[in-house]
Amino acid sequence: MKAYKNSAVLFVIIAWGLLLQGCSRDYVEMNTNPNASTSASPQSLLAPALMNLISGNLARNFRINNEFVQVTVTTSDSREFHRYEVKPSESDAQWRLWYLQLTNIRDIFKNAQAGQQQGYRTFQGMSLILDAWVGSLLTDMYGDVPYSESNLGFEQQNTTPVFDSQKAIYENMFSKLEAADTLLKVNDTIPAAVKAADPVFNGTPDLWRRFGNSLYLRLLLRVAHKTDIDAQARIKKIVEEDPANYPLMTNNNGSAILRFTGVLPFLSPYATARDFDFNGDKGYSEFFINNLVELKDPRLPVWATQATLGVYGGMQSAYLPGNIPDRQSTLQLALKTEPLLGNIMNYAELQFILAEAALKGYINKDPETYYKNGVKASVELWGTTIDDSYFDNPAVSFTASAQGQDQLKKIQLQKYLAMMFTDFQQWYEYRRTRALDLYVGPGVQNGGRMPSRMVYPTLVQTLNRTNYDKAVAAMGGNSINEKVWWEK
C-alpha cells in the first residue's frame, strides 16, 4: 500500500500548491510584516496541516491502533502488534509527523498575531486548540516529550529541547485551551474569502470554541484520577458551575471532522487504493464482530462485509505464529472514501465523557442520559438509526442493577465504537480504564501486557542525548512497558 499512499501525498502537495496560488493576494500582503521576512498567512497553513495530520493519523490507526485494541487483525505473520510486539522503528513516523505539523500550527498563531487583521484572534484560538490536540497525541504516546521548548530550532537554534514531564504538558495544554476559549469568545469573524481554508468548521469561531472545550474535557477526564492535578474541579466548573463560559458541542453537526469531499486536496488517503490493497492484509477481529453482533448494532453492515451469506465473523487476535486464521468479515470498500474517517473528535465521544464523569461523581448529573445520547448520536452519525428498544438488550441497558464497573464497561464499549478510525484514542482509553474485555490469543507476547507507550525514536537518542537520558531516568526506562504519568 506504500506506493499509493506516496502518490496520494504527492497529489495533495501539488493540489495545495495550486490552491495557494489562488489565495487572496490582498490578505497575504496584509499579513506580511514589511520589516521582517515574508511568512505564510494563517489560512494557508491551516488546511494542509490538518490534512497531513489526519491522513498520517489514519494510516497509523489502521496499522497500529486497530491491531492493539482488536478492531482488525493482520494476516501478515511478521507484523505483530496484535501480539503486543513492537519494533523500535515504529516510533519514528508519528514523532516526525506531529512535530513537523506542530511547527505549522504554532506559525498560525504567530503569523495571525503579526498581521492582526480581521479574524486573527479566531486563527489564534484555532492554533491553540490544535496545539493542545497534537501535544496530547505526543505525550499520550511517548510520555515525557519536548513541548515547552520544542519547535524552536529555526527561531532560537534550540535543537536539544528539554523533555517536559507529562504532568507539566497537561497543565500547559489546559492553559492553551483556556486561552483559546477566551480568544474565540470574541467571535472575531474570519473574512468570507478565506473561510474555505478551514475544512473543519468553515471559520466559525463558536464551533471551534465548542470543540476546544470538548477536547478540554477529554483531556481532563484522562487525568481526573490523579490527585496531584485539579482535573476533577475543572470538569465540575465547565459542566456545572460555569457552563455559559465553556460551551460544548451540542449535536453531531458540531463534531470536529475534516470530511473528505473526494475533491483534491480533501481526498482520503485510501481513496485511490486498489480494493485488494485496502483489505489485502487484514480482517476484522472476533472481539469487534462479536460485540457488534451481541449489541445488534446497525453499524455492522456499514463497517463490515459478511463472512458468508447472512453471517459475520472475525479473526482470532494474537494467533500463534505460523497459524494464520482465515479472514472472514473485512472492511467495506465504501470506507475508502468515507468522509467520517477524517474524525478528530465527535459529539458522541463528548457524551460518553460526560456519562463517565457523572458515573464517577465528578458532576452531579444522570450518567444514563448522557450514555443514551452518546449511543444515539454515534449510530446516527453513521447514517443509521435505533429506537428505544435498542436499550432493552442486556448488552446495552444501563440500569440500576448494572453498577460501577459494569456500567463503565458499557460506556467504554460504546465509546470505543464512537472513536472508530480516530488516531490512537481507542488505545489511549483502553490503557486508562482497562474497561474493554479484549480477548487473549494464544500467541500473545510481552508477558500478555498491552504496550503502555511507544519508545523514543532512535534519532532522538542520537541528537539530544543528554535530555533523552534525563527523560528515560524520569520515566523509569524506555521500553513499551513504562507507564506514562496518567497510567500509573
Protein backbone atom coordinates (compact mmCIF):
# COMPACT_ATOMS: atom_id res chain seq x y z
CA MET A 1 0.00 0.00 0.00
CA LYS A 2 3.03 2.26 0.30
CA ALA A 3 3.07 3.23 -3.36
CA TYR A 4 -0.46 4.55 -3.49
CA LYS A 5 -0.02 6.44 -0.20
CA ASN A 6 3.04 8.21 -1.58
CA SER A 7 1.12 9.06 -4.73
CA ALA A 8 -1.75 10.42 -2.67
CA VAL A 9 0.59 12.60 -0.63
CA LEU A 10 2.19 13.92 -3.85
CA PHE A 11 -1.27 14.72 -5.23
CA VAL A 12 -2.11 16.63 -2.05
CA ILE A 13 1.13 18.62 -2.23
CA ILE A 14 0.52 19.54 -5.88
CA ALA A 15 -3.08 20.43 -5.20
CA TRP A 16 -2.16 22.67 -2.30
CA GLY A 17 0.41 24.39 -4.45
CA LEU A 18 -2.28 25.22 -6.99
CA LEU A 19 -4.77 26.21 -4.33
CA LEU A 20 -2.42 28.55 -2.54
CA GLN A 21 -1.58 30.33 -5.79
CA GLY A 22 -5.23 31.32 -5.90
CA CYS A 23 -5.39 32.72 -2.34
CA SER A 24 -6.32 36.36 -1.91
CA ARG A 25 -3.16 38.37 -2.58
CA ASP A 26 -4.50 41.26 -0.53
CA TYR A 27 -4.94 39.09 2.55
CA VAL A 28 -1.44 37.68 2.25
CA GLU A 29 0.01 41.16 1.86
CA MET A 30 -1.90 42.41 4.89
CA ASN A 31 -0.38 39.60 6.94
CA THR A 32 3.16 40.35 5.81
CA ASN A 33 5.34 42.41 8.09
CA PRO A 34 7.32 44.79 5.81
CA ASN A 35 10.14 44.84 8.37
CA ALA A 36 10.51 41.07 8.50
CA SER A 37 10.88 38.18 6.10
CA THR A 38 7.79 37.02 4.25
CA SER A 39 5.77 34.46 6.21
CA ALA A 40 2.82 32.30 5.28
CA SER A 41 -0.65 33.60 6.06
CA PRO A 42 -2.56 31.68 8.76
CA GLN A 43 -5.16 30.33 6.36
CA SER A 44 -2.51 28.95 4.01
CA LEU A 45 -1.11 26.77 6.81
CA LEU A 46 -4.31 25.53 8.44
CA ALA A 47 -5.81 23.07 5.96
CA PRO A 48 -2.51 21.49 4.81
CA ALA A 49 -1.53 20.89 8.45
CA LEU A 50 -4.90 19.31 9.20
CA MET A 51 -4.84 17.13 6.09
CA ASN A 52 -1.32 15.90 6.83
CA LEU A 53 -2.16 15.18 10.45
CA ILE A 54 -5.41 13.36 9.78
CA SER A 55 -4.02 11.34 6.86
CA GLY A 56 -0.95 10.33 8.86
CA ASN A 57 -3.01 9.51 11.94
CA LEU A 58 -5.41 7.42 9.90
CA ALA A 59 -2.62 5.39 8.33
CA ARG A 60 -1.16 4.54 11.76
CA ASN A 61 -4.60 3.95 13.19
CA PHE A 62 -5.02 1.18 10.63
CA ARG A 63 -1.53 -0.18 11.20
CA ILE A 64 -1.14 0.03 15.00
CA ASN A 65 -4.17 1.19 16.98
CA ASN A 66 -6.64 -1.19 15.36
CA GLU A 67 -4.35 -4.17 15.98
CA PHE A 68 -3.72 -3.29 19.65
CA VAL A 69 -7.41 -2.93 20.50
CA GLN A 70 -8.70 -5.71 18.26
CA VAL A 71 -10.62 -3.81 15.63
CA THR A 72 -8.70 -5.71 12.96
CA VAL A 73 -6.12 -8.49 12.78
CA THR A 74 -3.36 -8.67 10.21
CA THR A 75 -2.74 -11.69 8.02
CA SER A 76 0.93 -10.69 7.84
CA ASP A 77 2.59 -13.11 10.24
CA SER A 78 5.60 -10.83 10.78
CA ARG A 79 3.61 -7.76 11.85
CA GLU A 80 2.93 -8.42 15.48
CA PHE A 81 1.09 -5.50 17.04
CA HIS A 82 -1.81 -7.81 17.82
CA ARG A 83 0.68 -9.92 19.82
CA TYR A 84 1.94 -6.79 21.62
CA GLU A 85 5.29 -6.91 19.85
CA VAL A 86 6.51 -3.53 18.58
CA LYS A 87 9.70 -2.83 16.64
CA PRO A 88 11.56 0.33 17.80
CA SER A 89 11.43 1.77 14.27
CA GLU A 90 7.64 2.06 14.53
CA SER A 91 8.10 5.11 16.76
CA ASP A 92 9.56 7.34 14.09
CA ALA A 93 6.65 8.15 11.77
CA GLN A 94 4.29 9.77 14.27
CA TRP A 95 7.07 11.66 16.05
CA ARG A 96 8.15 13.25 12.77
CA LEU A 97 4.60 13.96 11.63
CA TRP A 98 3.41 15.54 14.86
CA TYR A 99 6.45 17.73 15.46
CA LEU A 100 6.57 18.89 11.84
CA GLN A 101 2.92 19.94 11.90
CA LEU A 102 3.26 21.44 15.37
CA THR A 103 5.64 23.96 13.79
CA ASN A 104 2.97 24.89 11.23
CA ILE A 105 0.31 25.10 13.94
CA ARG A 106 2.41 27.47 16.05
CA ASP A 107 3.21 29.53 12.96
CA ILE A 108 -0.54 30.03 12.50
CA PHE A 109 -0.64 31.71 15.92
CA LYS A 110 2.46 33.86 15.36
CA ASN A 111 1.55 34.94 11.85
CA ALA A 112 -2.01 35.79 12.85
CA GLN A 113 -0.68 37.84 15.73
CA ALA A 114 1.76 39.67 13.46
CA GLY A 115 -0.93 40.55 10.92
CA GLN A 116 -3.75 41.35 13.36
CA GLN A 117 -6.25 41.60 10.54
CA GLN A 118 -9.90 40.64 10.73
CA GLY A 119 -10.26 37.14 12.18
CA TYR A 120 -6.75 36.96 13.61
CA ARG A 121 -7.97 36.08 17.12
CA THR A 122 -10.02 33.22 15.69
CA PHE A 123 -6.96 31.84 13.93
CA GLN A 124 -5.03 32.14 17.18
CA GLY A 125 -7.75 30.23 19.01
CA MET A 126 -7.71 27.51 16.36
CA SER A 127 -3.93 27.28 16.68
CA LEU A 128 -4.02 26.85 20.47
CA ILE A 129 -6.67 24.11 20.22
CA LEU A 130 -4.70 22.22 17.58
CA ASP A 131 -1.51 22.73 19.60
CA ALA A 132 -3.17 21.04 22.60
CA TRP A 133 -4.57 18.27 20.39
CA VAL A 134 -1.20 17.41 18.86
CA GLY A 135 0.53 17.84 22.21
CA SER A 136 -1.85 15.30 23.73
CA LEU A 137 -1.21 12.83 20.91
CA LEU A 138 2.54 13.13 21.54
CA THR A 139 2.57 12.82 25.30
CA ASP A 140 -0.08 10.09 25.42
CA MET A 141 2.01 8.01 23.03
CA TYR A 142 5.53 8.61 24.38
CA GLY A 143 5.14 10.04 27.90
CA ASP A 144 7.59 12.84 28.71
CA VAL A 145 8.42 14.71 25.48
CA PRO A 146 9.76 18.10 24.38
CA TYR A 147 6.90 20.60 24.44
CA SER A 148 7.69 23.95 26.09
CA GLU A 149 11.00 24.16 24.17
CA SER A 150 10.00 22.17 21.10
CA ASN A 151 9.90 23.55 17.54
CA LEU A 152 12.44 26.31 18.27
CA GLY A 153 15.27 25.05 16.06
CA PHE A 154 14.80 27.74 13.42
CA GLU A 155 13.92 30.70 15.63
CA GLN A 156 16.27 30.10 18.54
CA GLN A 157 18.62 27.42 17.19
CA ASN A 158 17.46 25.18 20.03
CA THR A 159 17.96 21.69 18.61
CA THR A 160 18.24 19.99 22.01
CA PRO A 161 14.98 20.83 23.80
CA VAL A 162 14.29 19.58 27.30
CA PHE A 163 11.69 16.87 27.82
CA ASP A 164 8.74 18.15 29.87
CA SER A 165 7.03 15.86 32.34
CA GLN A 166 3.63 14.65 31.23
CA LYS A 167 2.00 16.46 34.15
CA ALA A 168 3.60 19.75 33.07
CA ILE A 169 2.49 19.15 29.47
CA TYR A 170 -1.10 18.57 30.57
CA GLU A 171 -1.06 21.76 32.62
CA ASN A 172 0.35 23.63 29.60
CA MET A 173 -2.38 22.20 27.36
CA PHE A 174 -5.06 23.23 29.85
CA SER A 175 -3.69 26.78 29.79
CA LYS A 176 -3.75 26.80 25.98
CA LEU A 177 -7.36 25.63 25.90
CA GLU A 178 -8.39 28.28 28.44
CA ALA A 179 -6.68 30.93 26.30
CA ALA A 180 -8.35 29.56 23.15
CA ASP A 181 -11.78 29.85 24.78
CA THR A 182 -11.07 33.50 25.64
CA LEU A 183 -9.90 34.31 22.11
CA LEU A 184 -12.82 32.59 20.41
CA LYS A 185 -15.35 34.16 22.76
CA VAL A 186 -14.67 37.46 20.97
CA ASN A 187 -16.28 35.96 17.85
CA ASP A 188 -13.72 37.62 15.57
CA THR A 189 -15.21 36.79 12.16
CA ILE A 190 -12.87 35.42 9.51
CA PRO A 191 -13.15 37.15 6.11
CA ALA A 192 -15.55 35.31 3.82
CA ALA A 193 -12.86 34.95 1.16
CA VAL A 194 -10.73 32.71 3.39
CA LYS A 195 -13.35 30.73 5.33
CA ALA A 196 -12.95 27.81 2.93
CA ALA A 197 -9.38 27.44 4.15
CA ASP A 198 -10.89 25.89 7.31
CA PRO A 199 -12.04 22.41 6.25
CA VAL A 200 -13.47 21.54 9.67
CA PHE A 201 -15.77 24.40 10.72
CA ASN A 202 -15.57 26.86 7.79
CA GLY A 203 -14.07 29.50 10.04
CA THR A 204 -16.92 29.57 12.59
CA PRO A 205 -15.49 30.75 15.95
CA ASP A 206 -18.35 29.32 18.03
CA LEU A 207 -17.90 25.81 16.64
CA TRP A 208 -14.15 25.94 17.22
CA ARG A 209 -14.80 27.14 20.78
CA ARG A 210 -17.17 24.25 21.46
CA PHE A 211 -14.67 21.78 20.03
CA GLY A 212 -11.87 23.24 22.16
CA ASN A 213 -13.89 22.92 25.37
CA SER A 214 -14.98 19.39 24.47
CA LEU A 215 -11.33 18.47 23.85
CA TYR A 216 -10.59 20.06 27.23
CA LEU A 217 -12.99 17.57 28.85
CA ARG A 218 -11.36 14.66 27.01
CA LEU A 219 -8.00 15.58 28.47
CA LEU A 220 -9.36 16.41 31.93
CA LEU A 221 -11.08 13.04 32.19
CA ARG A 222 -7.88 11.29 31.14
CA VAL A 223 -6.10 12.62 34.23
CA ALA A 224 -9.08 13.03 36.60
CA HIS A 225 -7.96 10.11 38.77
CA LYS A 226 -4.61 11.81 39.51
CA THR A 227 -4.66 13.54 42.89
CA ASP A 228 -1.80 15.95 42.08
CA ILE A 229 -3.77 17.92 39.49
CA ASP A 230 -7.13 19.73 39.74
CA ALA A 231 -8.83 17.97 36.84
CA GLN A 232 -11.99 16.99 38.74
CA ALA A 233 -12.58 20.57 39.87
CA ARG A 234 -12.12 21.82 36.33
CA ILE A 235 -14.62 19.26 34.98
CA LYS A 236 -17.18 20.43 37.53
CA LYS A 237 -16.55 24.07 36.65
CA ILE A 238 -17.01 23.50 32.91
CA VAL A 239 -20.13 21.34 33.16
CA GLU A 240 -21.92 22.64 36.28
CA GLU A 241 -20.51 25.82 37.79
CA ASP A 242 -19.79 27.97 34.72
CA PRO A 243 -21.22 26.27 31.62
CA ALA A 244 -22.10 29.57 29.94
CA ASN A 245 -18.40 30.39 29.68
CA TYR A 246 -17.46 26.90 28.44
CA PRO A 247 -19.91 26.00 25.65
CA LEU A 248 -19.65 22.42 24.40
CA MET A 249 -20.64 20.53 21.26
CA THR A 250 -24.44 20.22 21.15
CA ASN A 251 -25.05 17.74 18.33
CA ASN A 252 -23.38 15.79 15.53
CA ASN A 253 -23.13 18.92 13.39
CA GLY A 254 -20.65 20.30 15.89
CA SER A 255 -18.32 17.31 15.62
CA ALA A 256 -14.73 18.10 14.70
CA ILE A 257 -14.45 16.15 11.46
CA LEU A 258 -12.46 17.01 8.37
CA ARG A 259 -14.89 15.45 5.94
CA PHE A 260 -13.17 14.08 2.87
CA THR A 261 -15.01 15.54 -0.11
CA GLY A 262 -13.38 13.36 -2.77
CA VAL A 263 -12.06 16.51 -4.44
CA LEU A 264 -8.39 17.40 -4.13
CA PRO A 265 -6.93 18.31 -1.75
CA PHE A 266 -9.59 16.88 0.59
CA LEU A 267 -9.08 13.30 -0.51
CA SER A 268 -9.00 10.30 1.80
CA PRO A 269 -5.55 8.67 1.83
CA TYR A 270 -7.29 5.43 0.84
CA ALA A 271 -9.41 6.86 -1.97
CA THR A 272 -7.05 5.69 -4.71
CA ALA A 273 -6.19 2.35 -3.11
CA ARG A 274 -6.91 -0.79 -5.07
CA ASP A 275 -9.70 -2.81 -3.47
CA PHE A 276 -7.31 -5.68 -2.81
CA ASP A 277 -4.76 -3.40 -1.14
CA PHE A 278 -7.36 -1.83 1.15
CA ASN A 279 -8.28 -5.19 2.67
CA GLY A 280 -5.33 -7.25 1.49
CA ASP A 281 -3.60 -7.91 4.82
CA LYS A 282 -6.32 -7.64 7.46
CA GLY A 283 -9.76 -8.70 8.57
CA TYR A 284 -12.00 -7.70 11.45
CA SER A 285 -11.33 -9.39 14.79
CA GLU A 286 -13.55 -11.75 16.76
CA PHE A 287 -13.82 -9.21 19.57
CA PHE A 288 -15.04 -6.46 17.26
CA ILE A 289 -17.54 -8.53 15.29
CA ASN A 290 -18.88 -10.50 18.26
CA ASN A 291 -19.62 -7.33 20.21
CA LEU A 292 -21.42 -5.69 17.30
CA VAL A 293 -23.50 -8.83 16.79
CA GLU A 294 -24.37 -9.02 20.50
CA LEU A 295 -25.29 -5.35 20.54
CA LYS A 296 -27.44 -5.81 17.41
CA ASP A 297 -25.65 -2.71 16.21
CA PRO A 298 -26.96 -1.22 12.93
CA ARG A 299 -23.44 0.00 12.03
CA LEU A 300 -22.22 -3.56 11.48
CA PRO A 301 -23.15 -3.74 7.76
CA VAL A 302 -21.84 -0.21 7.25
CA TRP A 303 -18.40 -1.19 8.52
CA ALA A 304 -18.11 -4.89 7.70
CA THR A 305 -18.76 -7.39 4.93
CA GLN A 306 -20.48 -10.68 5.61
CA ALA A 307 -18.18 -13.67 6.06
CA THR A 308 -20.78 -15.96 4.48
CA LEU A 309 -24.32 -15.24 3.42
CA GLY A 310 -26.06 -13.57 6.33
CA VAL A 311 -23.22 -14.27 8.77
CA TYR A 312 -20.50 -12.01 10.15
CA GLY A 313 -17.31 -13.40 11.63
CA GLY A 314 -13.94 -12.26 12.90
CA MET A 315 -10.34 -13.43 13.07
CA GLN A 316 -8.53 -14.52 16.21
CA SER A 317 -6.23 -11.82 17.56
CA ALA A 318 -2.75 -12.87 18.74
CA TYR A 319 -2.87 -16.14 16.86
CA LEU A 320 0.17 -18.39 17.11
CA PRO A 321 2.97 -17.66 14.62
CA GLY A 322 2.53 -19.78 11.52
CA ASN A 323 -1.17 -20.35 12.25
CA ILE A 324 -2.79 -17.53 10.32
CA PRO A 325 -6.58 -17.89 10.58
CA ASP A 326 -8.84 -17.44 7.59
CA ARG A 327 -10.18 -13.98 7.08
CA GLN A 328 -13.90 -13.60 7.50
CA SER A 329 -15.57 -10.18 7.65
CA THR A 330 -13.50 -7.38 6.13
CA LEU A 331 -13.75 -3.61 5.81
CA GLN A 332 -16.48 -2.38 3.50
CA LEU A 333 -14.87 -0.92 0.39
CA ALA A 334 -17.05 2.18 0.71
CA LEU A 335 -14.87 3.14 3.68
CA LYS A 336 -12.07 4.03 1.26
CA THR A 337 -13.83 7.32 0.55
CA GLU A 338 -15.91 7.66 3.72
CA PRO A 339 -15.90 11.32 4.85
CA LEU A 340 -16.18 10.35 8.54
CA LEU A 341 -12.70 8.83 8.52
CA GLY A 342 -11.45 12.39 9.00
CA ASN A 343 -12.71 12.39 12.59
CA ILE A 344 -10.81 14.35 15.25
CA MET A 345 -13.46 14.33 17.98
CA ASN A 346 -17.19 13.81 17.67
CA TYR A 347 -20.23 14.75 19.74
CA ALA A 348 -20.86 11.13 20.78
CA GLU A 349 -17.44 10.91 22.42
CA LEU A 350 -18.25 14.03 24.44
CA GLN A 351 -21.47 12.42 25.69
CA PHE A 352 -19.58 9.33 26.85
CA ILE A 353 -17.03 11.56 28.60
CA LEU A 354 -19.90 13.23 30.46
CA ALA A 355 -21.50 9.86 31.22
CA GLU A 356 -18.30 8.62 32.87
CA ALA A 357 -17.82 11.90 34.75
CA ALA A 358 -21.37 11.60 36.11
CA LEU A 359 -20.91 7.91 36.93
CA LYS A 360 -17.80 8.69 38.98
CA GLY A 361 -19.38 11.63 40.76
CA TYR A 362 -17.27 14.37 39.20
CA ILE A 363 -20.52 16.09 38.17
CA ASN A 364 -23.99 15.83 39.66
CA LYS A 365 -25.75 14.62 36.53
CA ASP A 366 -27.51 11.48 35.28
CA PRO A 367 -24.98 9.18 33.57
CA GLU A 368 -27.67 7.17 31.79
CA THR A 369 -28.97 10.22 29.93
CA TYR A 370 -25.52 11.04 28.61
CA TYR A 371 -24.91 7.38 27.78
CA LYS A 372 -28.09 7.08 25.72
CA ASN A 373 -27.43 10.40 24.00
CA GLY A 374 -23.95 9.16 23.06
CA VAL A 375 -25.18 5.85 21.66
CA LYS A 376 -27.88 7.53 19.57
CA ALA A 377 -25.53 10.20 18.29
CA SER A 378 -22.84 7.70 17.32
CA VAL A 379 -25.28 5.47 15.47
CA GLU A 380 -26.89 8.41 13.67
CA LEU A 381 -23.53 9.88 12.68
CA TRP A 382 -23.03 6.80 10.51
CA GLY A 383 -26.40 7.21 8.81
CA THR A 384 -28.21 4.52 10.78
CA THR A 385 -30.90 4.66 13.46
CA ILE A 386 -32.08 2.95 16.63
CA ASP A 387 -35.23 3.24 18.70
CA ASP A 388 -35.68 2.89 22.46
CA SER A 389 -35.97 -0.90 22.19
CA TYR A 390 -32.24 -0.98 21.39
CA PHE A 391 -31.61 -0.24 25.08
CA ASP A 392 -33.66 -3.25 26.21
CA ASN A 393 -30.82 -5.50 25.12
CA PRO A 394 -28.95 -6.63 28.30
CA ALA A 395 -25.67 -5.92 26.47
CA VAL A 396 -26.73 -2.28 26.13
CA SER A 397 -29.08 -1.49 29.02
CA PHE A 398 -27.82 0.94 31.63
CA THR A 399 -29.98 0.00 34.59
CA ALA A 400 -29.60 0.42 38.32
CA SER A 401 -28.67 -3.26 38.55
CA ALA A 402 -25.67 -2.64 36.29
CA GLN A 403 -23.49 -0.91 38.84
CA GLY A 404 -19.99 0.54 38.87
CA GLN A 405 -17.56 -1.31 36.68
CA ASP A 406 -20.28 -2.94 34.59
CA GLN A 407 -21.72 0.48 33.71
CA LEU A 408 -18.24 1.80 32.96
CA LYS A 409 -17.63 -1.15 30.63
CA LYS A 410 -20.81 -0.35 28.72
CA ILE A 411 -19.84 3.31 28.40
CA GLN A 412 -16.35 2.39 27.24
CA LEU A 413 -17.52 -0.19 24.70
CA GLN A 414 -19.85 2.33 23.08
CA LYS A 415 -17.12 4.99 23.27
CA TYR A 416 -14.73 2.55 21.59
CA LEU A 417 -17.20 2.24 18.71
CA ALA A 418 -17.74 6.01 18.56
CA MET A 419 -13.98 6.50 18.18
CA MET A 420 -13.63 4.21 15.17
CA PHE A 421 -10.83 5.36 12.84
CA THR A 422 -9.80 8.14 15.27
CA ASP A 423 -5.98 8.21 15.57
CA PHE A 424 -4.94 6.36 18.76
CA GLN A 425 -7.85 7.26 21.04
CA GLN A 426 -9.12 3.69 21.46
CA TRP A 427 -5.68 2.55 22.63
CA TYR A 428 -5.21 5.54 24.93
CA GLU A 429 -8.63 4.98 26.50
CA TYR A 430 -8.07 1.27 26.98
CA ARG A 431 -4.79 1.99 28.77
CA ARG A 432 -6.59 4.46 31.04
CA THR A 433 -9.58 2.31 32.00
CA ARG A 434 -8.88 -1.36 31.03
CA ALA A 435 -12.67 -1.46 30.66
CA LEU A 436 -12.79 -3.49 27.44
CA ASP A 437 -12.81 -7.26 27.78
CA LEU A 438 -10.34 -7.86 24.98
CA TYR A 439 -9.70 -11.48 24.06
CA VAL A 440 -6.33 -13.00 24.92
CA GLY A 441 -4.99 -15.01 21.99
CA PRO A 442 -2.62 -17.98 22.35
CA GLY A 443 0.26 -16.17 20.63
CA VAL A 444 0.25 -13.03 22.80
CA GLN A 445 3.75 -11.83 23.71
CA ASN A 446 5.19 -9.17 26.07
CA GLY A 447 4.00 -11.16 29.06
CA GLY A 448 0.43 -10.54 27.99
CA ARG A 449 0.81 -6.82 28.75
CA MET A 450 -0.75 -4.23 26.48
CA PRO A 451 2.02 -1.78 25.48
CA SER A 452 1.80 1.41 27.52
CA ARG A 453 3.72 3.65 25.14
CA MET A 454 5.97 3.75 22.10
CA VAL A 455 9.72 4.06 22.67
CA TYR A 456 11.57 7.25 21.81
CA PRO A 457 12.86 7.33 18.20
CA THR A 458 16.50 6.33 17.74
CA LEU A 459 17.36 9.69 16.16
CA VAL A 460 16.30 11.47 19.36
CA GLN A 461 18.70 9.31 21.34
CA THR A 462 21.50 10.36 18.98
CA LEU A 463 20.84 14.08 18.55
CA ASN A 464 19.53 15.01 22.02
CA ARG A 465 21.33 12.51 24.21
CA THR A 466 21.62 14.48 27.44
CA ASN A 467 17.95 15.37 27.62
CA TYR A 468 16.99 11.92 26.36
CA ASP A 469 18.91 10.31 29.24
CA LYS A 470 17.16 12.59 31.74
CA ALA A 471 13.77 11.69 30.28
CA VAL A 472 14.47 7.96 30.39
CA ALA A 473 15.57 8.24 34.02
CA ALA A 474 12.39 10.14 34.87
CA MET A 475 10.19 7.64 33.01
CA GLY A 476 11.94 4.65 34.58
CA GLY A 477 13.14 3.29 31.24
CA ASN A 478 12.45 3.41 27.53
CA SER A 479 10.55 0.22 26.84
CA ILE A 480 6.98 -0.18 25.65
CA ASN A 481 6.01 -1.15 29.21
CA GLU A 482 6.97 2.04 31.08
CA LYS A 483 3.69 3.59 32.14
CA VAL A 484 3.11 7.27 31.40
CA TRP A 485 2.16 9.54 34.33
CA TRP A 486 -1.61 9.22 33.95
CA GLU A 487 -1.44 5.44 33.63
CA LYS A 488 0.39 5.00 36.93
